[in-house]
Amino acid sequence: MEHVASIGRFTLRWLQALGHAAYFFVDLLRFTPAALRRFSLVVTQIHAIGNRSLVIIVASGLAVGFVLALQMYYALVPYGADESLGLVVNLSLVRELGPVVTALLFAGRAGTSLTAEIGLMKAGEQLAAMELMAVDPRSRVLAPRFIGGVISMPILAVLFSAIGIIGAYVVAVLLIGVDAGSFWSVMQGRVSFVRDVGNGIVKSIAFGVVCTFVALYQGHETTATPEGVAYATTRTVVIASLAVLGLDFILTALMFSTP
């Protein structure tokens, strides 16, 4: 009976936390129109979240393109299908690697930054001071950051995929000697903008919502101590990464299950 009671208490705590997170998410959506009317705040957050993530996105995209071209070339050559290298690289990046790797990097770089920023504002009682001045911090602080993260993610994912394709071209065509015409023509003829590129963008938008929400929620609900802020940033990376991987499986099953 003691084990059953423990399981029940754990389930109740988990459901309570889930309900609180859902209420927080609805609040963010409710304050989104007000934040859009003050778009200068959103632009500032797009710069802080997106522009400052460009270095790691570009470097990672280039490295992934290099490695993907090498791996796919040695896998396709025994079957005489090296002319499909551009197609395989493109589909791998725009469908899967671009959105997922960008989201994981986003969670590690921008997500932890958002959590630490909100957590330090809470520890310094800046959020409480806003409430005393009749300024809702959810409208002034949280909603612009939420919108900025959602807008930044698909832009970063598209940039990651584009840089990855360029990196694959450098390795495949300039270093290995694959025919440039075959590399581009097969890619252009077989890649659908709506089904492949469009679904990848939809994925990245969903990942942007999840990663930004998790970061803001963990920062807002953290204990107002240095240890609490440090623990919240760790939870942000873990929860956001697991959520991205799980959501990626669901979205892939829904988007690409039919031919």
C-alpha atoms as a PDB file:
ATOM      1  CA  MET A   1       0.000   0.000   0.000  1.00  0.00           C
ATOM      2  CA  GLU A   2       2.871   2.342   0.725  1.00  0.00           C
ATOM      3  CA  HIS A   3       4.182   1.942  -2.818  1.00  0.00           C
ATOM      4  CA  VAL A   4       0.740   2.613  -4.251  1.00  0.00           C
ATOM      5  CA  ALA A   5       0.458   5.769  -2.137  1.00  0.00           C
ATOM      6  CA  SER A   6       3.880   6.928  -3.348  1.00  0.00           C
ATOM      7  CA  ILE A   7       2.884   6.383  -6.953  1.00  0.00           C
ATOM      8  CA  GLY A   8      -0.344   8.283  -6.350  1.00  0.00           C
ATOM      9  CA  ARG A   9       1.471  11.243  -4.765  1.00  0.00           C
ATOM     10  CA  PHE A  10       3.964  11.321  -7.631  1.00  0.00           C
ATOM     11  CA  THR A  11       1.157  11.219 -10.195  1.00  0.00           C
ATOM     12  CA  LEU A  12      -0.703  14.053  -8.476  1.00  0.00           C
ATOM     13  CA  ARG A  13       2.435  16.208  -8.324  1.00  0.00           C
ATOM     14  CA  TRP A  14       3.135  15.502 -11.993  1.00  0.00           C
ATOM     15  CA  LEU A  15      -0.410  16.373 -13.032  1.00  0.00           C
ATOM     16  CA  GLN A  16      -0.309  19.545 -10.937  1.00  0.00           C
ATOM     17  CA  ALA A  17       2.960  20.614 -12.558  1.00  0.00           C
ATOM     18  CA  LEU A  18       1.581  19.803 -16.015  1.00  0.00           C
ATOM     19  CA  GLY A  19      -1.543  21.851 -15.358  1.00  0.00           C
ATOM     20  CA  HIS A  20       0.494  24.778 -14.064  1.00  0.00           C
ATOM     21  CA  ALA A  21       2.701  24.674 -17.177  1.00  0.00           C
ATOM     22  CA  ALA A  22      -0.391  24.579 -19.417  1.00  0.00           C
ATOM     23  CA  TYR A  23      -1.837  27.596 -17.603  1.00  0.00           C
ATOM     24  CA  PHE A  24       1.482  29.432 -18.049  1.00  0.00           C
ATOM     25  CA  PHE A  25       1.475  28.623 -21.783  1.00  0.00           C
ATOM     26  CA  VAL A  26      -2.088  29.914 -22.201  1.00  0.00           C
ATOM     27  CA  ASP A  27      -1.041  33.113 -20.421  1.00  0.00           C
ATOM     28  CA  LEU A  28       1.836  33.558 -22.871  1.00  0.00           C
ATOM     29  CA  LEU A  29      -0.536  33.169 -25.804  1.00  0.00           C
ATOM     30  CA  ARG A  30      -2.994  35.597 -24.212  1.00  0.00           C
ATOM     31  CA  PHE A  31      -0.339  38.316 -23.935  1.00  0.00           C
ATOM     32  CA  THR A  32       1.090  37.711 -27.423  1.00  0.00           C
ATOM     33  CA  PRO A  33      -1.154  40.287 -29.210  1.00  0.00           C
ATOM     34  CA  ALA A  34      -0.121  42.997 -26.731  1.00  0.00           C
ATOM     35  CA  ALA A  35       3.553  42.167 -27.306  1.00  0.00           C
ATOM     36  CA  LEU A  36       3.096  42.332 -31.083  1.00  0.00           C
ATOM     37  CA  ARG A  37       1.765  45.865 -30.749  1.00  0.00           C
ATOM     38  CA  ARG A  38       5.117  46.784 -29.197  1.00  0.00           C
ATOM     39  CA  PHE A  39       7.148  45.107 -31.912  1.00  0.00           C
ATOM     40  CA  SER A  40      10.354  46.951 -31.035  1.00  0.00           C
ATOM     41  CA  LEU A  41      10.616  44.718 -27.949  1.00  0.00           C
ATOM     42  CA  VAL A  42      10.229  41.643 -30.162  1.00  0.00           C
ATOM     43  CA  VAL A  43      12.905  42.875 -32.584  1.00  0.00           C
ATOM     44  CA  THR A  44      15.300  43.349 -29.678  1.00  0.00           C
ATOM     45  CA  GLN A  45      14.691  39.760 -28.596  1.00  0.00           C
ATOM     46  CA  ILE A  46      15.098  38.413 -32.136  1.00  0.00           C
ATOM     47  CA  HIS A  47      18.506  40.083 -32.214  1.00  0.00           C
ATOM     48  CA  ALA A  48      19.442  38.770 -28.768  1.00  0.00           C
ATOM     49  CA  ILE A  49      18.207  35.232 -29.425  1.00  0.00           C
ATOM     50  CA  GLY A  50      18.794  34.773 -33.155  1.00  0.00           C
ATOM     51  CA  ASN A  51      21.693  37.002 -34.142  1.00  0.00           C
ATOM     52  CA  ARG A  52      23.847  35.905 -31.222  1.00  0.00           C
ATOM     53  CA  SER A  53      23.272  32.257 -32.156  1.00  0.00           C
ATOM     54  CA  LEU A  54      24.523  32.678 -35.731  1.00  0.00           C
ATOM     55  CA  VAL A  55      28.125  31.618 -35.074  1.00  0.00           C
ATOM     56  CA  ILE A  56      27.273  28.231 -33.582  1.00  0.00           C
ATOM     57  CA  ILE A  57      24.530  27.623 -36.187  1.00  0.00           C
ATOM     58  CA  VAL A  58      26.792  28.423 -39.157  1.00  0.00           C
ATOM     59  CA  ALA A  59      29.752  26.446 -37.786  1.00  0.00           C
ATOM     60  CA  SER A  60      27.590  23.447 -36.931  1.00  0.00           C
ATOM     61  CA  GLY A  61      25.753  23.518 -40.276  1.00  0.00           C
ATOM     62  CA  LEU A  62      29.027  23.605 -42.185  1.00  0.00           C
ATOM     63  CA  ALA A  63      30.483  20.729 -40.165  1.00  0.00           C
ATOM     64  CA  VAL A  64      27.324  18.628 -40.569  1.00  0.00           C
ATOM     65  CA  GLY A  65      27.364  19.271 -44.336  1.00  0.00           C
ATOM     66  CA  PHE A  66      31.010  18.186 -44.578  1.00  0.00           C
ATOM     67  CA  VAL A  67      30.483  14.961 -42.653  1.00  0.00           C
ATOM     68  CA  LEU A  68      27.151  14.138 -44.290  1.00  0.00           C
ATOM     69  CA  ALA A  69      28.657  14.427 -47.774  1.00  0.00           C
ATOM     70  CA  LEU A  70      31.518  12.101 -46.882  1.00  0.00           C
ATOM     71  CA  GLN A  71      29.308   9.515 -45.199  1.00  0.00           C
ATOM     72  CA  MET A  72      26.676   9.500 -47.941  1.00  0.00           C
ATOM     73  CA  TYR A  73      29.266   9.361 -50.727  1.00  0.00           C
ATOM     74  CA  TYR A  74      30.946   6.240 -49.342  1.00  0.00           C
ATOM     75  CA  ALA A  75      27.510   4.681 -48.748  1.00  0.00           C
ATOM     76  CA  LEU A  76      26.200   5.411 -52.272  1.00  0.00           C
ATOM     77  CA  VAL A  77      29.299   4.705 -54.409  1.00  0.00           C
ATOM     78  CA  PRO A  78      29.146   0.862 -54.041  1.00  0.00           C
ATOM     79  CA  TYR A  79      25.666   1.005 -55.569  1.00  0.00           C
ATOM     80  CA  GLY A  80      26.600   3.408 -58.352  1.00  0.00           C
ATOM     81  CA  ALA A  81      24.246   6.056 -56.957  1.00  0.00           C
ATOM     82  CA  ASP A  82      26.728   8.820 -56.264  1.00  0.00           C
ATOM     83  CA  GLU A  83      24.723  11.143 -58.568  1.00  0.00           C
ATOM     84  CA  SER A  84      21.981  11.101 -55.884  1.00  0.00           C
ATOM     85  CA  LEU A  85      24.344  12.522 -53.267  1.00  0.00           C
ATOM     86  CA  GLY A  86      22.893  16.038 -53.502  1.00  0.00           C
ATOM     87  CA  LEU A  87      19.351  14.721 -53.116  1.00  0.00           C
ATOM     88  CA  VAL A  88      20.156  12.612 -50.055  1.00  0.00           C
ATOM     89  CA  VAL A  89      22.038  15.463 -48.372  1.00  0.00           C
ATOM     90  CA  ASN A  90      19.283  17.955 -49.110  1.00  0.00           C
ATOM     91  CA  LEU A  91      16.463  15.755 -47.831  1.00  0.00           C
ATOM     92  CA  SER A  92      18.437  14.814 -44.723  1.00  0.00           C
ATOM     93  CA  LEU A  93      19.027  18.444 -43.875  1.00  0.00           C
ATOM     94  CA  VAL A  94      15.718  20.121 -44.715  1.00  0.00           C
ATOM     95  CA  ARG A  95      13.532  17.306 -43.373  1.00  0.00           C
ATOM     96  CA  GLU A  96      15.382  16.228 -40.265  1.00  0.00           C
ATOM     97  CA  LEU A  97      18.855  17.413 -39.340  1.00  0.00           C
ATOM     98  CA  GLY A  98      18.263  21.114 -39.956  1.00  0.00           C
ATOM     99  CA  PRO A  99      15.243  21.551 -37.657  1.00  0.00           C
ATOM    100  CA  VAL A 100      16.349  19.039 -34.996  1.00  0.00           C
ATOM    101  CA  VAL A 101      20.003  20.009 -34.633  1.00  0.00           C
ATOM    102  CA  THR A 102      19.094  23.696 -34.718  1.00  0.00           C
ATOM    103  CA  ALA A 103      16.544  23.135 -31.945  1.00  0.00           C
ATOM    104  CA  LEU A 104      19.068  21.268 -29.801  1.00  0.00           C
ATOM    105  CA  LEU A 105      21.648  24.009 -30.300  1.00  0.00           C
ATOM    106  CA  PHE A 106      18.968  26.611 -29.611  1.00  0.00           C
ATOM    107  CA  ALA A 107      18.060  24.915 -26.339  1.00  0.00           C
ATOM    108  CA  GLY A 108      21.701  24.807 -25.283  1.00  0.00           C
ATOM    109  CA  ARG A 109      22.566  28.361 -26.215  1.00  0.00           C
ATOM    110  CA  ALA A 110      19.497  30.620 -26.322  1.00  0.00           C
ATOM    111  CA  GLY A 111      17.303  28.526 -24.008  1.00  0.00           C
ATOM    112  CA  THR A 112      19.756  28.564 -21.131  1.00  0.00           C
ATOM    113  CA  SER A 113      20.336  32.287 -21.687  1.00  0.00           C
ATOM    114  CA  LEU A 114      16.599  33.000 -21.431  1.00  0.00           C
ATOM    115  CA  THR A 115      16.228  30.853 -18.320  1.00  0.00           C
ATOM    116  CA  ALA A 116      19.171  32.478 -16.570  1.00  0.00           C
ATOM    117  CA  GLU A 117      17.993  35.967 -17.531  1.00  0.00           C
ATOM    118  CA  ILE A 118      14.441  35.455 -16.235  1.00  0.00           C
ATOM    119  CA  GLY A 119      15.712  33.614 -13.165  1.00  0.00           C
ATOM    120  CA  LEU A 120      18.110  36.425 -12.264  1.00  0.00           C
ATOM    121  CA  MET A 121      15.359  38.987 -12.775  1.00  0.00           C
ATOM    122  CA  LYS A 122      13.219  36.995 -10.352  1.00  0.00           C
ATOM    123  CA  ALA A 123      16.074  36.634  -7.870  1.00  0.00           C
ATOM    124  CA  GLY A 124      16.711  40.386  -8.065  1.00  0.00           C
ATOM    125  CA  GLU A 125      12.998  41.031  -7.510  1.00  0.00           C
ATOM    126  CA  GLN A 126      12.706  42.931 -10.783  1.00  0.00           C
ATOM    127  CA  LEU A 127       9.587  40.975 -11.752  1.00  0.00           C
ATOM    128  CA  ALA A 128       8.003  41.738  -8.378  1.00  0.00           C
ATOM    129  CA  ALA A 129       8.867  45.427  -8.807  1.00  0.00           C
ATOM    130  CA  MET A 130       7.102  45.460 -12.181  1.00  0.00           C
ATOM    131  CA  GLU A 131       3.982  44.019 -10.604  1.00  0.00           C
ATOM    132  CA  LEU A 132       4.072  46.704  -7.916  1.00  0.00           C
ATOM    133  CA  MET A 133       4.149  49.323 -10.678  1.00  0.00           C
ATOM    134  CA  ALA A 134       1.101  47.686 -12.315  1.00  0.00           C
ATOM    135  CA  VAL A 135       3.230  46.342 -15.202  1.00  0.00           C
ATOM    136  CA  ASP A 136       2.532  42.711 -15.942  1.00  0.00           C
ATOM    137  CA  PRO A 137       5.928  40.990 -16.488  1.00  0.00           C
ATOM    138  CA  ARG A 138       4.272  38.377 -18.676  1.00  0.00           C
ATOM    139  CA  SER A 139       3.344  41.104 -21.163  1.00  0.00           C
ATOM    140  CA  ARG A 140       6.500  43.218 -20.840  1.00  0.00           C
ATOM    141  CA  VAL A 141       9.185  40.552 -20.357  1.00  0.00           C
ATOM    142  CA  LEU A 142       7.986  37.052 -21.199  1.00  0.00           C
ATOM    143  CA  ALA A 143       5.743  37.462 -24.270  1.00  0.00           C
ATOM    144  CA  PRO A 144       8.313  39.415 -26.392  1.00  0.00           C
ATOM    145  CA  ARG A 145      10.923  36.760 -25.658  1.00  0.00           C
ATOM    146  CA  PHE A 146       8.476  34.013 -26.551  1.00  0.00           C
ATOM    147  CA  ILE A 147       7.638  35.616 -29.900  1.00  0.00           C
ATOM    148  CA  GLY A 148      11.313  36.330 -30.584  1.00  0.00           C
ATOM    149  CA  GLY A 149      12.247  32.695 -30.000  1.00  0.00           C
ATOM    150  CA  VAL A 150       9.437  31.368 -32.201  1.00  0.00           C
ATOM    151  CA  ILE A 151      10.429  33.708 -35.063  1.00  0.00           C
ATOM    152  CA  SER A 152      14.164  33.059 -34.700  1.00  0.00           C
ATOM    153  CA  MET A 153      14.014  29.263 -34.772  1.00  0.00           C
ATOM    154  CA  PRO A 154      12.795  28.703 -38.387  1.00  0.00           C
ATOM    155  CA  ILE A 155      15.204  31.368 -39.674  1.00  0.00           C
ATOM    156  CA  LEU A 156      18.112  29.640 -37.942  1.00  0.00           C
ATOM    157  CA  ALA A 157      16.952  26.215 -39.177  1.00  0.00           C
ATOM    158  CA  VAL A 158      16.770  27.397 -42.804  1.00  0.00           C
ATOM    159  CA  LEU A 159      20.213  28.961 -42.462  1.00  0.00           C
ATOM    160  CA  PHE A 160      21.576  25.732 -40.949  1.00  0.00           C
ATOM    161  CA  SER A 161      20.236  23.667 -43.867  1.00  0.00           C
ATOM    162  CA  ALA A 162      21.520  26.129 -46.488  1.00  0.00           C
ATOM    163  CA  ILE A 163      25.006  26.222 -44.982  1.00  0.00           C
ATOM    164  CA  GLY A 164      24.975  22.428 -44.677  1.00  0.00           C
ATOM    165  CA  ILE A 165      24.140  22.041 -48.387  1.00  0.00           C
ATOM    166  CA  ILE A 166      26.962  24.437 -49.288  1.00  0.00           C
ATOM    167  CA  GLY A 167      29.353  22.456 -47.083  1.00  0.00           C
ATOM    168  CA  ALA A 168      28.269  19.218 -48.758  1.00  0.00           C
ATOM    169  CA  TYR A 169      28.840  20.800 -52.189  1.00  0.00           C
ATOM    170  CA  VAL A 170      32.375  21.820 -51.215  1.00  0.00           C
ATOM    171  CA  VAL A 171      33.281  18.296 -50.096  1.00  0.00           C
ATOM    172  CA  ALA A 172      31.413  16.362 -52.795  1.00  0.00           C
ATOM    173  CA  VAL A 173      32.156  18.496 -55.864  1.00  0.00           C
ATOM    174  CA  LEU A 174      35.327  20.410 -55.103  1.00  0.00           C
ATOM    175  CA  LEU A 175      37.179  17.782 -53.057  1.00  0.00           C
ATOM    176  CA  ILE A 176      35.848  14.362 -54.113  1.00  0.00           C
ATOM    177  CA  GLY A 177      34.988  15.216 -57.723  1.00  0.00           C
ATOM    178  CA  VAL A 178      31.272  14.454 -57.963  1.00  0.00           C
ATOM    179  CA  ASP A 179      29.707  16.029 -61.052  1.00  0.00           C
ATOM    180  CA  ALA A 180      28.292  19.431 -60.112  1.00  0.00           C
ATOM    181  CA  GLY A 181      25.423  19.139 -62.594  1.00  0.00           C
ATOM    182  CA  SER A 182      24.266  15.843 -61.099  1.00  0.00           C
ATOM    183  CA  PHE A 183      24.632  17.197 -57.569  1.00  0.00           C
ATOM    184  CA  TRP A 184      22.259  20.109 -58.233  1.00  0.00           C
ATOM    185  CA  SER A 185      19.917  18.746 -60.921  1.00  0.00           C
ATOM    186  CA  VAL A 186      18.759  15.662 -59.009  1.00  0.00           C
ATOM    187  CA  MET A 187      18.231  17.829 -55.951  1.00  0.00           C
ATOM    188  CA  GLN A 188      16.164  20.395 -57.856  1.00  0.00           C
ATOM    189  CA  GLY A 189      14.077  17.748 -59.586  1.00  0.00           C
ATOM    190  CA  ARG A 190      13.225  15.594 -56.566  1.00  0.00           C
ATOM    191  CA  VAL A 191      12.908  17.995 -53.631  1.00  0.00           C
ATOM    192  CA  SER A 192       9.403  19.375 -53.084  1.00  0.00           C
ATOM    193  CA  PHE A 193       9.210  22.850 -51.588  1.00  0.00           C
ATOM    194  CA  VAL A 194       5.877  22.197 -49.877  1.00  0.00           C
ATOM    195  CA  ARG A 195       6.374  18.608 -48.722  1.00  0.00           C
ATOM    196  CA  ASP A 196      10.072  18.729 -47.807  1.00  0.00           C
ATOM    197  CA  VAL A 197      11.136  22.321 -47.159  1.00  0.00           C
ATOM    198  CA  GLY A 198       7.700  23.408 -45.928  1.00  0.00           C
ATOM    199  CA  ASN A 199       7.350  20.548 -43.469  1.00  0.00           C
ATOM    200  CA  GLY A 200      10.854  21.228 -42.183  1.00  0.00           C
ATOM    201  CA  ILE A 201       9.882  24.841 -41.513  1.00  0.00           C
ATOM    202  CA  VAL A 202       6.714  23.719 -39.729  1.00  0.00           C
ATOM    203  CA  LYS A 203       8.853  21.429 -37.582  1.00  0.00           C
ATOM    204  CA  SER A 204      11.221  24.260 -36.683  1.00  0.00           C
ATOM    205  CA  ILE A 205       8.326  26.544 -35.706  1.00  0.00           C
ATOM    206  CA  ALA A 206       6.955  23.831 -33.401  1.00  0.00           C
ATOM    207  CA  PHE A 207      10.414  23.322 -31.903  1.00  0.00           C
ATOM    208  CA  GLY A 208      10.739  27.073 -31.412  1.00  0.00           C
ATOM    209  CA  VAL A 209       7.477  27.149 -29.446  1.00  0.00           C
ATOM    210  CA  VAL A 210       8.551  24.215 -27.264  1.00  0.00           C
ATOM    211  CA  CYS A 211      12.133  25.351 -26.577  1.00  0.00           C
ATOM    212  CA  THR A 212      11.223  28.972 -25.850  1.00  0.00           C
ATOM    213  CA  PHE A 213       8.277  28.015 -23.644  1.00  0.00           C
ATOM    214  CA  VAL A 214      10.381  25.565 -21.612  1.00  0.00           C
ATOM    215  CA  ALA A 215      13.134  28.151 -21.148  1.00  0.00           C
ATOM    216  CA  LEU A 216      10.753  30.885 -20.011  1.00  0.00           C
ATOM    217  CA  TYR A 217       8.773  28.572 -17.753  1.00  0.00           C
ATOM    218  CA  GLN A 218      11.863  27.214 -16.024  1.00  0.00           C
ATOM    219  CA  GLY A 219      13.217  30.720 -15.506  1.00  0.00           C
ATOM    220  CA  HIS A 220       9.924  32.075 -14.189  1.00  0.00           C
ATOM    221  CA  GLU A 221       9.304  29.163 -11.808  1.00  0.00           C
ATOM    222  CA  THR A 222      12.859  28.797 -10.513  1.00  0.00           C
ATOM    223  CA  THR A 223      13.810  29.241  -6.888  1.00  0.00           C
ATOM    224  CA  ALA A 224      15.205  32.751  -6.463  1.00  0.00           C
ATOM    225  CA  THR A 225      18.702  31.607  -5.444  1.00  0.00           C
ATOM    226  CA  PRO A 226      21.948  31.092  -7.389  1.00  0.00           C
ATOM    227  CA  GLU A 227      21.567  27.323  -6.980  1.00  0.00           C
ATOM    228  CA  GLY A 228      17.976  27.489  -8.191  1.00  0.00           C
ATOM    229  CA  VAL A 229      18.924  29.432 -11.321  1.00  0.00           C
ATOM    230  CA  ALA A 230      21.749  27.008 -12.112  1.00  0.00           C
ATOM    231  CA  TYR A 231      19.418  24.033 -11.672  1.00  0.00           C
ATOM    232  CA  ALA A 232      16.757  25.686 -13.842  1.00  0.00           C
ATOM    233  CA  THR A 233      19.194  26.174 -16.740  1.00  0.00           C
ATOM    234  CA  THR A 234      20.120  22.492 -16.564  1.00  0.00           C
ATOM    235  CA  ARG A 235      16.449  21.477 -16.569  1.00  0.00           C
ATOM    236  CA  THR A 236      15.865  23.702 -19.587  1.00  0.00           C
ATOM    237  CA  VAL A 237      18.417  21.853 -21.715  1.00  0.00           C
ATOM    238  CA  VAL A 238      17.262  18.405 -20.605  1.00  0.00           C
ATOM    239  CA  ILE A 239      13.500  18.994 -20.892  1.00  0.00           C
ATOM    240  CA  ALA A 240      13.687  20.988 -24.141  1.00  0.00           C
ATOM    241  CA  SER A 241      15.989  18.436 -25.796  1.00  0.00           C
ATOM    242  CA  LEU A 242      13.792  15.482 -24.837  1.00  0.00           C
ATOM    243  CA  ALA A 243      10.662  17.367 -25.913  1.00  0.00           C
ATOM    244  CA  VAL A 244      12.224  18.168 -29.303  1.00  0.00           C
ATOM    245  CA  LEU A 245      13.191  14.546 -29.932  1.00  0.00           C
ATOM    246  CA  GLY A 246       9.774  13.246 -28.935  1.00  0.00           C
ATOM    247  CA  LEU A 247       7.920  15.892 -30.923  1.00  0.00           C
ATOM    248  CA  ASP A 248      10.149  15.220 -33.926  1.00  0.00           C
ATOM    249  CA  PHE A 249       9.036  11.588 -34.030  1.00  0.00           C
ATOM    250  CA  ILE A 250       5.354  12.572 -33.844  1.00  0.00           C
ATOM    251  CA  LEU A 251       5.645  15.262 -36.523  1.00  0.00           C
ATOM    252  CA  THR A 252       7.666  13.013 -38.829  1.00  0.00           C
ATOM    253  CA  ALA A 253       5.064  10.248 -38.498  1.00  0.00           C
ATOM    254  CA  LEU A 254       2.288  12.703 -39.335  1.00  0.00           C
ATOM    255  CA  MET A 255       4.032  14.522 -42.188  1.00  0.00           C
ATOM    256  CA  PHE A 256       5.817  11.758 -44.081  1.00  0.00           C
ATOM    257  CA  SER A 257       3.708   8.676 -43.372  1.00  0.00           C
ATOM    258  CA  THR A 258       1.985   8.913 -46.772  1.00  0.00           C
ATOM    259  CA  PRO A 259       3.894   8.814 -50.100  1.00  0.00           C
END
